Structure formats: structure tokens, C-alpha cells
Amino acid sequence: MELRRDVFQAIADPTRRAIISLVAVHAMTPTAIAGNFDSSRQTVSKHIQILTECQILEQKQNGREIYYHLNPQKIKEIADFIEPFRKLWDDRFNKLEEIMKNYPTKNKE
């Protein structure tokens, strides 16, 4: 049986989100990615592996180097899933803001 990682569990980790932010700018080698963290290269490689298994990162061989880059289609799928919830909460916060504008404030004397 193939283990399938949950994409939301993958992006819940702050280190993995930082890796996503790094490779969103330009493709990077594992060594270059690891250079941005205080963790060991092995630890960063494990994070990269998880992101690759979730298809958030893709790898491309260039000579002897492997470069990781963001998979924009997967990021779009995540954003598309989250969008209705963002709209729902935006509407709720806007309603709360309207209520709070009309709510009398207590003056301390």
C-alpha cells in the first residue's frame, strides 16, 4: 500500500512553508535550501521529500544537480480549496465589524 501524505499537514509545518517561500522565487538545490536553515541537511531533505510527495515541489535534473521548484498547479488546487472558506470568514468579520461600529463604547472617567 502506498503511503499518501496530506498536503495540509505538509504545509502546516513552518519549515516547509519557509521552503515553499524560498523555491517560489526561483528553483534551488537541496544544499542551497538547507543553507537557509539552522537544521541539518538531512532534516531539510526530509522536509523536501514530504513536499515532493505531496506534489507541492517538483524536481528537475540539470547536469549533476537537482533543482526543486514550486508546482503552481498544486498550489492553485490548495488555494481553490481554501477560497470559499476565506470568503466565508471575510464576510463574518465584515459583519462583526459593522456590529462593533454600532456598539457603544464605555468611557472611563
C-alpha atoms as a PDB file:
ATOM      1  CA  MET A   1       0.000   0.000   0.000  1.00  0.00           C
ATOM      2  CA  GLU A   2       1.333   3.426  -0.970  1.00  0.00           C
ATOM      3  CA  LEU A   3       1.503   5.994   1.805  1.00  0.00           C
ATOM      4  CA  ARG A   4      -0.118   9.213   0.711  1.00  0.00           C
ATOM      5  CA  ARG A   5       0.738  12.373   2.571  1.00  0.00           C
ATOM      6  CA  ASP A   6      -1.827  15.012   3.389  1.00  0.00           C
ATOM      7  CA  VAL A   7      -0.969  18.296   1.675  1.00  0.00           C
ATOM      8  CA  PHE A   8      -2.430  20.384   4.509  1.00  0.00           C
ATOM      9  CA  GLN A   9      -0.409  18.525   7.104  1.00  0.00           C
ATOM     10  CA  ALA A  10       2.647  19.170   4.936  1.00  0.00           C
ATOM     11  CA  ILE A  11       2.090  22.917   4.722  1.00  0.00           C
ATOM     12  CA  ALA A  12       1.220  23.149   8.420  1.00  0.00           C
ATOM     13  CA  ASP A  13       4.923  22.884   9.285  1.00  0.00           C
ATOM     14  CA  PRO A  14       6.670  26.300   9.437  1.00  0.00           C
ATOM     15  CA  THR A  15       9.924  24.952   7.976  1.00  0.00           C
ATOM     16  CA  ARG A  16       8.101  23.504   4.983  1.00  0.00           C
ATOM     17  CA  ARG A  17       6.231  26.781   4.465  1.00  0.00           C
ATOM     18  CA  ALA A  18       9.579  28.577   4.526  1.00  0.00           C
ATOM     19  CA  ILE A  19      10.934  26.139   1.920  1.00  0.00           C
ATOM     20  CA  ILE A  20       7.890  26.802  -0.266  1.00  0.00           C
ATOM     21  CA  SER A  21       8.537  30.547   0.011  1.00  0.00           C
ATOM     22  CA  LEU A  22      12.183  30.077  -0.960  1.00  0.00           C
ATOM     23  CA  VAL A  23      11.562  27.989  -4.057  1.00  0.00           C
ATOM     24  CA  ALA A  24       8.620  30.174  -5.102  1.00  0.00           C
ATOM     25  CA  VAL A  25      11.175  32.836  -6.027  1.00  0.00           C
ATOM     26  CA  HIS A  26      13.485  30.535  -8.005  1.00  0.00           C
ATOM     27  CA  ALA A  27      14.471  26.870  -8.258  1.00  0.00           C
ATOM     28  CA  MET A  28      17.060  25.765  -5.721  1.00  0.00           C
ATOM     29  CA  THR A  29      19.260  22.775  -4.977  1.00  0.00           C
ATOM     30  CA  PRO A  30      18.788  20.926  -1.678  1.00  0.00           C
ATOM     31  CA  THR A  31      22.121  22.327  -0.470  1.00  0.00           C
ATOM     32  CA  ALA A  32      21.036  25.897  -1.273  1.00  0.00           C
ATOM     33  CA  ILE A  33      17.713  25.340   0.501  1.00  0.00           C
ATOM     34  CA  ALA A  34      19.427  23.827   3.549  1.00  0.00           C
ATOM     35  CA  GLY A  35      21.758  26.819   3.728  1.00  0.00           C
ATOM     36  CA  ASN A  36      18.799  28.944   4.816  1.00  0.00           C
ATOM     37  CA  PHE A  37      18.101  26.882   7.935  1.00  0.00           C
ATOM     38  CA  ASP A  38      19.880  26.004  11.163  1.00  0.00           C
ATOM     39  CA  SER A  39      18.723  22.393  10.777  1.00  0.00           C
ATOM     40  CA  SER A  40      20.907  19.633   9.366  1.00  0.00           C
ATOM     41  CA  ARG A  41      20.816  18.990   5.629  1.00  0.00           C
ATOM     42  CA  GLN A  42      19.212  15.600   6.386  1.00  0.00           C
ATOM     43  CA  THR A  43      16.355  17.281   8.234  1.00  0.00           C
ATOM     44  CA  VAL A  44      15.786  19.759   5.413  1.00  0.00           C
ATOM     45  CA  SER A  45      15.949  16.896   2.887  1.00  0.00           C
ATOM     46  CA  LYS A  46      13.159  15.131   4.792  1.00  0.00           C
ATOM     47  CA  HIS A  47      11.024  18.281   4.548  1.00  0.00           C
ATOM     48  CA  ILE A  48      11.769  18.495   0.814  1.00  0.00           C
ATOM     49  CA  GLN A  49      10.817  14.831   0.424  1.00  0.00           C
ATOM     50  CA  ILE A  50       7.461  15.408   2.121  1.00  0.00           C
ATOM     51  CA  LEU A  51       6.740  18.436  -0.089  1.00  0.00           C
ATOM     52  CA  THR A  52       7.701  16.416  -3.165  1.00  0.00           C
ATOM     53  CA  GLU A  53       5.464  13.513  -2.149  1.00  0.00           C
ATOM     54  CA  CYS A  54       2.580  15.996  -1.853  1.00  0.00           C
ATOM     55  CA  GLN A  55       3.478  17.324  -5.312  1.00  0.00           C
ATOM     56  CA  ILE A  56       3.994  20.845  -3.957  1.00  0.00           C
ATOM     57  CA  LEU A  57       7.605  20.711  -5.128  1.00  0.00           C
ATOM     58  CA  GLU A  58       8.869  19.207  -8.346  1.00  0.00           C
ATOM     59  CA  GLN A  59      12.442  18.330  -9.145  1.00  0.00           C
ATOM     60  CA  LYS A  60      14.397  18.850 -12.318  1.00  0.00           C
ATOM     61  CA  GLN A  61      17.816  17.437 -13.104  1.00  0.00           C
ATOM     62  CA  ASN A  62      20.292  19.923 -14.565  1.00  0.00           C
ATOM     63  CA  GLY A  63      23.593  18.178 -15.152  1.00  0.00           C
ATOM     64  CA  ARG A  64      24.653  16.689 -11.849  1.00  0.00           C
ATOM     65  CA  GLU A  65      22.437  18.974  -9.801  1.00  0.00           C
ATOM     66  CA  ILE A  66      18.806  18.503  -8.843  1.00  0.00           C
ATOM     67  CA  TYR A  67      16.763  21.680  -8.587  1.00  0.00           C
ATOM     68  CA  TYR A  68      13.454  21.952  -6.756  1.00  0.00           C
ATOM     69  CA  HIS A  69      10.763  24.336  -7.903  1.00  0.00           C
ATOM     70  CA  LEU A  70       7.190  25.054  -6.965  1.00  0.00           C
ATOM     71  CA  ASN A  71       4.397  23.163  -8.689  1.00  0.00           C
ATOM     72  CA  PRO A  72       1.985  26.019  -9.445  1.00  0.00           C
ATOM     73  CA  GLN A  73      -0.881  23.670 -10.303  1.00  0.00           C
ATOM     74  CA  LYS A  74      -0.779  22.080  -6.842  1.00  0.00           C
ATOM     75  CA  ILE A  75      -0.607  25.492  -5.160  1.00  0.00           C
ATOM     76  CA  LYS A  76      -3.636  26.564  -7.225  1.00  0.00           C
ATOM     77  CA  GLU A  77      -5.531  23.446  -6.114  1.00  0.00           C
ATOM     78  CA  ILE A  78      -4.813  24.307  -2.478  1.00  0.00           C
ATOM     79  CA  ALA A  79      -5.818  27.948  -2.989  1.00  0.00           C
ATOM     80  CA  ASP A  80      -9.013  26.911  -4.797  1.00  0.00           C
ATOM     81  CA  PHE A  81      -9.953  24.651  -1.893  1.00  0.00           C
ATOM     82  CA  ILE A  82      -9.320  27.383   0.696  1.00  0.00           C
ATOM     83  CA  GLU A  83     -11.008  30.243  -1.197  1.00  0.00           C
ATOM     84  CA  PRO A  84     -14.642  29.530  -0.171  1.00  0.00           C
ATOM     85  CA  PHE A  85     -13.581  29.409   3.488  1.00  0.00           C
ATOM     86  CA  ARG A  86     -11.668  32.693   3.124  1.00  0.00           C
ATOM     87  CA  LYS A  87     -14.749  34.339   1.659  1.00  0.00           C
ATOM     88  CA  LEU A  88     -16.943  32.930   4.437  1.00  0.00           C
ATOM     89  CA  TRP A  89     -14.661  34.304   7.162  1.00  0.00           C
ATOM     90  CA  ASP A  90     -14.216  37.638   5.393  1.00  0.00           C
ATOM     91  CA  ASP A  91     -17.999  38.029   5.344  1.00  0.00           C
ATOM     92  CA  ARG A  92     -18.256  37.111   9.031  1.00  0.00           C
ATOM     93  CA  PHE A  93     -15.519  39.542  10.038  1.00  0.00           C
ATOM     94  CA  ASN A  94     -17.119  42.299   7.955  1.00  0.00           C
ATOM     95  CA  LYS A  95     -20.462  41.697   9.724  1.00  0.00           C
ATOM     96  CA  LEU A  96     -18.740  41.728  13.104  1.00  0.00           C
ATOM     97  CA  GLU A  97     -17.000  44.976  12.211  1.00  0.00           C
ATOM     98  CA  GLU A  98     -20.376  46.558  11.327  1.00  0.00           C
ATOM     99  CA  ILE A  99     -21.863  45.403  14.620  1.00  0.00           C
ATOM    100  CA  MET A 100     -18.875  46.721  16.569  1.00  0.00           C
ATOM    101  CA  LYS A 101     -19.140  50.145  14.879  1.00  0.00           C
ATOM    102  CA  ASN A 102     -22.661  50.493  16.291  1.00  0.00           C
ATOM    103  CA  TYR A 103     -21.774  49.115  19.700  1.00  0.00           C
ATOM    104  CA  PRO A 104     -21.488  51.842  22.337  1.00  0.00           C
ATOM    105  CA  THR A 105     -18.080  52.187  23.908  1.00  0.00           C
ATOM    106  CA  LYS A 106     -17.623  52.669  27.624  1.00  0.00           C
ATOM    107  CA  ASN A 107     -15.970  55.877  28.641  1.00  0.00           C
ATOM    108  CA  LYS A 108     -13.737  55.530  31.642  1.00  0.00           C
ATOM    109  CA  GLU A 109     -13.776  58.504  33.918  1.00  0.00           C
END
